[in-house]
Amino acid sequence: MRRRDYYIIDAHCHIYPEKIAAKAVKGTDVFYDTEAFGTGIAENLISEGEKVGVSAFVVQSVATTPKQVASINEFIAQTVKDSGGKLTGLGTLHPESPDMKKDVSQILELGLHGVKLHPDIQKFRIDDPEHWEMYALCEEMGLPILMHTGDVRYHYSNPENLIPVLKAFPKLTIVGAHLGGWSLWEEASLKLADFENLYVDSSSSFATIEKQIALGKIPYLSEKKAVEVIRRYGVDKVLFGTDYPMWSPHAELDFFFSLGFSEEDSRKMLSENAKKVFSVD
C-alpha cells in the first residue's frame, strides 16, 4: 500500500494565534534547545501536512496560567470551526484554576474533544493528589487527557508519576505523549505498557534532525528501539503525532514508514487509534 493511500491523522499539534505565534515558537525552541520546523499557525500546519498526505490534525495549546485557560479554549474552538473539518481541538486546563468545574464545562460547551496538559511548562507533578479533582472531572465527563510525559531535566512529568493516576482513575483515558516518556522511552514502556487506560503518541520520538542529534541537543530513538517500544505498548495503543511546529511531518512519516509495520498495523497507528481516542471524524 502506498503512503498516499493511507488516511493519516497527526494526533499531536500545537497552534497559536497569529499575533503571538512567532514568540510562542521561539519560547519552545529555547525551552528544548531546538529549531522549530513550522510557524505554529494553523494554515501552515495544514499546508505542510497535506503536502505529505496528512488529512486531519488534533490541535491544542497549553495555558501557562489559569487566566489563559478560557481564551485559549476559545481560540482553539474557533480555529477548529474555521478549518472546514480538518482540525479536531483539545482544550487546556491549569492545575491551579480557582474553578476547575467551570473550565471543564467550557471545554464541553465549546465541543472540544479532550484536554492537553504539560506538567513541565505548567510546573505541576502529575501524581500530586491536589490535582485529583481535575482528573476526576475529566474522567466523569469522558474527556481524554493528552499528557506531556518524560524529560530527564524535570521530575514533574516522569513517566512513573502517571502510575498513581492511571490506578486511581481507571476510566480516564490518558495519552502519554512522546511514547510515554520523552528521552525515557525504554523505562516508560516497561512501567506503563500494561495499563488499559493508557495510550501513547509518537510525537518528538521520531525526530531525526542529524545536526541536533550530533550536538547532543536531542535524544535519539533508533528504528530498532522504536519498534521494540511500540510493540511493547501494542499497535492498538499508539497514535501517530509530529509535535508540530517542532518537527517536519515529512521526516516524521519517513521514520514511521521505515519501521516496517504491516498495512493493518500502520492504519491503526496513523488514524484508527486517534479516531477512537479523540473522536476524530
Protein backbone atom coordinates (compact mmCIF):
# COMPACT_ATOMS: atom_id res chain seq x y z
CA MET A 1 0.00 0.00 0.00
CA ARG A 2 1.37 3.40 -0.98
CA ARG A 3 1.83 6.10 1.64
CA ARG A 4 -0.67 8.35 -0.13
CA ASP A 5 -3.33 5.65 0.18
CA TYR A 6 -3.37 5.86 3.99
CA TYR A 7 -5.69 8.19 5.83
CA ILE A 8 -3.29 9.95 8.20
CA ILE A 9 -4.13 11.90 11.35
CA ASP A 10 -1.48 13.94 13.11
CA ALA A 11 -2.67 13.48 16.69
CA HIS A 12 -0.32 15.96 18.40
CA CYS A 13 -0.08 19.52 17.04
CA HIS A 14 0.44 22.88 18.75
CA ILE A 15 -1.06 26.03 17.23
CA TYR A 16 -1.13 29.65 18.34
CA PRO A 17 -2.88 32.90 17.41
CA GLU A 18 -1.00 34.54 14.55
CA LYS A 19 -0.07 37.62 16.58
CA ILE A 20 1.85 35.59 19.19
CA ALA A 21 2.89 32.53 17.17
CA ALA A 22 6.47 33.62 16.50
CA LYS A 23 7.06 34.40 20.16
CA ALA A 24 5.48 31.12 21.29
CA VAL A 25 7.52 29.04 18.86
CA LYS A 26 10.70 30.83 19.90
CA GLY A 27 9.88 30.08 23.52
CA THR A 28 9.61 26.38 22.72
CA ASP A 29 12.92 26.49 20.87
CA VAL A 30 14.58 28.00 23.92
CA PHE A 31 12.91 25.55 26.33
CA TYR A 32 14.08 22.50 24.35
CA ASP A 33 17.16 23.96 22.61
CA THR A 34 15.75 23.06 19.20
CA GLU A 35 14.92 24.78 15.91
CA ALA A 36 11.24 24.59 15.01
CA PHE A 37 10.17 23.45 11.56
CA GLY A 38 6.87 25.33 11.34
CA THR A 39 5.37 28.72 12.16
CA GLY A 40 2.81 27.48 14.69
CA ILE A 41 -0.09 28.90 12.66
CA ALA A 42 -2.97 26.60 11.70
CA GLU A 43 -2.74 27.37 7.98
CA ASN A 44 0.93 26.39 7.95
CA LEU A 45 0.20 23.20 9.87
CA ILE A 46 -2.45 22.15 7.35
CA SER A 47 -0.48 23.09 4.24
CA GLU A 48 2.70 21.32 5.35
CA GLY A 49 0.80 18.25 6.49
CA GLU A 50 -1.22 17.95 3.31
CA LYS A 51 1.97 18.03 1.23
CA VAL A 52 2.88 14.63 2.67
CA GLY A 53 -0.58 13.10 2.92
CA VAL A 54 -1.82 14.15 6.36
CA SER A 55 -5.58 14.69 6.17
CA ALA A 56 -6.59 15.61 9.72
CA PHE A 57 -4.95 17.19 12.74
CA VAL A 58 -5.56 17.19 16.51
CA VAL A 59 -4.65 20.68 17.75
CA GLN A 60 -4.08 22.19 21.16
CA SER A 61 -2.22 24.79 23.16
CA VAL A 62 -1.12 24.96 26.79
CA ALA A 63 -2.21 27.50 29.42
CA THR A 64 0.78 28.63 31.47
CA THR A 65 -1.50 30.48 33.94
CA PRO A 66 -5.13 29.92 35.00
CA LYS A 67 -6.11 33.24 33.39
CA GLN A 68 -5.15 31.92 29.95
CA VAL A 69 -7.47 28.92 30.01
CA ALA A 70 -10.69 30.49 28.71
CA SER A 71 -9.09 32.47 25.89
CA ILE A 72 -7.00 29.53 24.69
CA ASN A 73 -10.02 27.25 24.64
CA GLU A 74 -12.00 29.84 22.68
CA PHE A 75 -9.14 30.25 20.21
CA ILE A 76 -8.84 26.51 19.64
CA ALA A 77 -12.60 26.12 19.19
CA GLN A 78 -12.83 28.98 16.70
CA THR A 79 -9.83 27.75 14.72
CA VAL A 80 -11.39 24.28 14.52
CA LYS A 81 -14.65 25.82 13.33
CA ASP A 82 -12.84 27.75 10.60
CA SER A 83 -10.85 24.73 9.37
CA GLY A 84 -13.51 23.06 7.28
CA GLY A 85 -13.38 19.84 9.26
CA LYS A 86 -9.62 19.37 9.05
CA LEU A 87 -8.93 20.10 12.72
CA THR A 88 -10.08 18.45 15.94
CA GLY A 89 -9.48 20.51 19.06
CA LEU A 90 -8.38 19.75 22.60
CA GLY A 91 -8.91 22.21 25.40
CA THR A 92 -6.48 23.24 28.10
CA LEU A 93 -6.79 23.29 31.87
CA HIS A 94 -4.48 24.68 34.51
CA PRO A 95 -3.98 22.77 37.80
CA GLU A 96 -4.19 25.98 39.82
CA SER A 97 -7.52 27.08 38.38
CA PRO A 98 -9.84 28.58 41.04
CA ASP A 99 -12.87 27.00 39.33
CA MET A 100 -11.99 23.71 37.67
CA LYS A 101 -15.63 22.75 37.12
CA LYS A 102 -16.22 25.96 35.17
CA ASP A 103 -13.17 25.36 32.98
CA VAL A 104 -14.17 21.76 32.23
CA SER A 105 -17.71 22.90 31.44
CA GLN A 106 -16.32 25.43 28.97
CA ILE A 107 -14.38 22.71 27.16
CA LEU A 108 -17.55 20.66 26.81
CA GLU A 109 -19.66 23.63 25.72
CA LEU A 110 -17.13 24.52 23.02
CA GLY A 111 -17.25 20.99 21.64
CA LEU A 112 -13.59 20.24 22.26
CA HIS A 113 -12.58 16.60 22.34
CA GLY A 114 -10.17 16.34 25.26
CA VAL A 115 -7.59 18.15 27.36
CA LYS A 116 -3.89 18.87 26.92
CA LEU A 117 -1.65 19.17 30.00
CA HIS A 118 2.09 19.88 30.11
CA PRO A 119 3.46 19.32 33.64
CA ASP A 120 6.92 20.71 32.86
CA ILE A 121 5.65 24.00 31.46
CA GLN A 122 2.74 24.27 33.92
CA LYS A 123 5.03 23.17 36.76
CA PHE A 124 2.97 20.50 38.49
CA ARG A 125 3.62 16.89 39.38
CA ILE A 126 1.31 14.51 37.58
CA ASP A 127 0.73 12.44 40.72
CA ASP A 128 0.10 15.28 43.18
CA PRO A 129 -3.25 14.50 44.93
CA GLU A 130 -4.06 18.21 44.82
CA HIS A 131 -4.94 17.65 41.16
CA TRP A 132 -7.32 14.74 41.74
CA GLU A 133 -10.36 16.95 41.13
CA MET A 134 -9.09 17.78 37.65
CA TYR A 135 -8.64 14.13 36.77
CA ALA A 136 -11.97 13.14 38.33
CA LEU A 137 -13.85 15.74 36.30
CA CYS A 138 -12.20 14.64 33.06
CA GLU A 139 -13.00 11.02 33.87
CA GLU A 140 -16.61 11.85 34.70
CA MET A 141 -17.10 13.89 31.52
CA GLY A 142 -15.34 11.43 29.24
CA LEU A 143 -12.55 13.83 28.31
CA PRO A 144 -9.28 12.09 27.39
CA ILE A 145 -6.09 13.79 28.53
CA LEU A 146 -3.09 14.25 26.27
CA MET A 147 -0.28 14.44 28.82
CA HIS A 148 3.27 15.53 28.12
CA THR A 149 5.48 12.85 29.65
CA GLY A 150 9.21 12.48 30.08
CA ASP A 151 12.26 14.75 30.14
CA VAL A 152 15.26 13.91 32.26
CA ARG A 153 15.66 17.58 33.20
CA TYR A 154 12.42 17.64 35.19
CA HIS A 155 10.62 15.31 37.56
CA TYR A 156 7.15 16.80 37.09
CA SER A 157 6.39 14.59 34.10
CA ASN A 158 8.41 11.48 34.92
CA PRO A 159 6.50 8.53 33.40
CA GLU A 160 6.46 6.82 36.79
CA ASN A 161 4.27 9.66 38.08
CA LEU A 162 1.48 8.51 35.77
CA ILE A 163 1.04 5.23 37.62
CA PRO A 164 -0.97 6.51 40.65
CA VAL A 165 -3.27 8.46 38.32
CA LEU A 166 -3.86 5.53 35.99
CA LYS A 167 -4.70 3.37 39.01
CA ALA A 168 -6.91 5.94 40.76
CA PHE A 169 -8.90 6.82 37.63
CA PRO A 170 -9.29 3.60 35.63
CA LYS A 171 -11.98 5.07 33.36
CA LEU A 172 -9.86 8.10 32.47
CA THR A 173 -8.10 7.74 29.13
CA ILE A 174 -4.62 9.24 29.16
CA VAL A 175 -2.41 9.57 26.11
CA GLY A 176 1.20 9.69 27.24
CA ALA A 177 2.89 11.93 24.69
CA HIS A 178 6.29 11.04 23.23
CA LEU A 179 5.79 7.27 23.52
CA GLY A 180 5.00 7.65 27.19
CA GLY A 181 8.19 9.44 28.17
CA TRP A 182 10.38 11.66 26.03
CA SER A 183 14.02 10.56 26.29
CA LEU A 184 12.88 7.83 28.73
CA TRP A 185 11.25 5.61 26.13
CA GLU A 186 12.50 2.23 27.36
CA GLU A 187 11.85 2.96 31.03
CA ALA A 188 8.39 4.33 30.32
CA SER A 189 7.25 1.43 28.19
CA LEU A 190 8.40 -1.13 30.75
CA LYS A 191 6.46 0.59 33.53
CA LEU A 192 3.32 1.72 31.70
CA ALA A 193 2.52 -0.74 28.93
CA ASP A 194 0.12 -2.89 30.96
CA PHE A 195 -2.35 -0.10 31.83
CA GLU A 196 -5.53 -0.49 29.80
CA ASN A 197 -6.45 3.20 30.10
CA LEU A 198 -3.10 4.39 28.71
CA TYR A 199 -2.35 5.20 25.09
CA VAL A 200 0.80 6.86 23.78
CA ASP A 201 1.66 9.01 20.79
CA SER A 202 4.83 9.08 18.73
CA SER A 203 5.41 12.83 18.81
CA SER A 204 9.00 14.05 19.28
CA SER A 205 10.16 10.43 19.37
CA PHE A 206 10.90 10.05 15.65
CA ALA A 207 12.83 13.33 15.30
CA THR A 208 15.80 12.77 13.01
CA ILE A 209 17.50 16.16 12.93
CA GLU A 210 21.04 14.94 12.35
CA LYS A 211 22.75 18.19 13.30
CA GLN A 212 20.94 18.45 16.61
CA ILE A 213 21.48 14.79 17.41
CA ALA A 214 25.21 15.13 16.65
CA LEU A 215 25.42 18.09 19.00
CA GLY A 216 23.64 16.13 21.71
CA LYS A 217 20.73 18.57 21.77
CA ILE A 218 18.04 15.93 21.43
CA PRO A 219 17.95 12.25 22.43
CA TYR A 220 17.78 9.72 19.62
CA LEU A 221 15.47 6.71 19.37
CA SER A 222 16.79 4.16 16.89
CA GLU A 223 14.49 2.38 14.47
CA LYS A 224 15.11 -0.93 16.24
CA LYS A 225 14.34 0.50 19.66
CA ALA A 226 11.28 2.34 18.33
CA VAL A 227 9.82 -0.93 17.08
CA GLU A 228 10.52 -2.61 20.43
CA VAL A 229 8.84 0.18 22.39
CA ILE A 230 5.80 0.30 20.08
CA ARG A 231 5.41 -3.49 20.20
CA ARG A 232 5.59 -3.38 23.99
CA TYR A 233 2.67 -0.95 24.16
CA GLY A 234 0.86 -2.66 21.29
CA VAL A 235 -0.10 -1.12 17.95
CA ASP A 236 -3.68 -0.68 19.22
CA LYS A 237 -2.35 1.84 21.76
CA VAL A 238 -0.09 4.07 19.64
CA LEU A 239 -1.13 7.27 17.84
CA PHE A 240 1.00 8.97 15.20
CA GLY A 241 1.87 12.58 16.00
CA THR A 242 4.52 15.09 14.99
CA ASP A 243 4.55 17.71 17.78
CA TYR A 244 4.19 20.39 15.10
CA PRO A 245 5.66 23.00 14.82
CA MET A 246 8.76 21.34 16.25
CA TRP A 247 9.32 18.71 13.57
CA SER A 248 8.71 18.19 9.86
CA PRO A 249 5.76 15.89 9.06
CA HIS A 250 7.74 14.62 6.08
CA ALA A 251 10.64 13.48 8.27
CA GLU A 252 8.32 12.02 10.91
CA LEU A 253 6.42 9.96 8.34
CA ASP A 254 9.65 8.83 6.68
CA PHE A 255 10.79 7.46 10.04
CA PHE A 256 7.42 5.83 10.73
CA PHE A 257 7.31 4.03 7.39
CA SER A 258 10.92 2.91 7.79
CA LEU A 259 9.84 0.79 10.77
CA GLY A 260 8.23 -1.82 8.53
CA PHE A 261 4.85 -2.27 10.19
CA SER A 262 2.14 -4.10 8.28
CA GLU A 263 -0.62 -2.25 6.44
CA GLU A 264 -3.13 -3.17 9.14
CA ASP A 265 -0.88 -2.07 11.99
CA SER A 266 0.05 1.14 10.19
CA ARG A 267 -3.61 2.05 9.67
CA LYS A 268 -4.23 1.67 13.39
CA MET A 269 -1.41 3.97 14.37
CA LEU A 270 -1.87 6.50 11.57
CA SER A 271 -5.60 7.06 12.05
CA GLU A 272 -7.80 4.44 13.68
CA ASN A 273 -6.48 4.86 17.21
CA ALA A 274 -6.78 8.66 17.05
CA LYS A 275 -10.36 8.34 15.81
CA LYS A 276 -11.14 6.13 18.79
CA VAL A 277 -9.42 8.19 21.48
CA PHE A 278 -10.19 11.74 20.32
CA SER A 279 -13.39 11.05 18.34
CA VAL A 280 -11.85 12.45 15.17
CA ASP A 281 -14.44 12.49 12.40
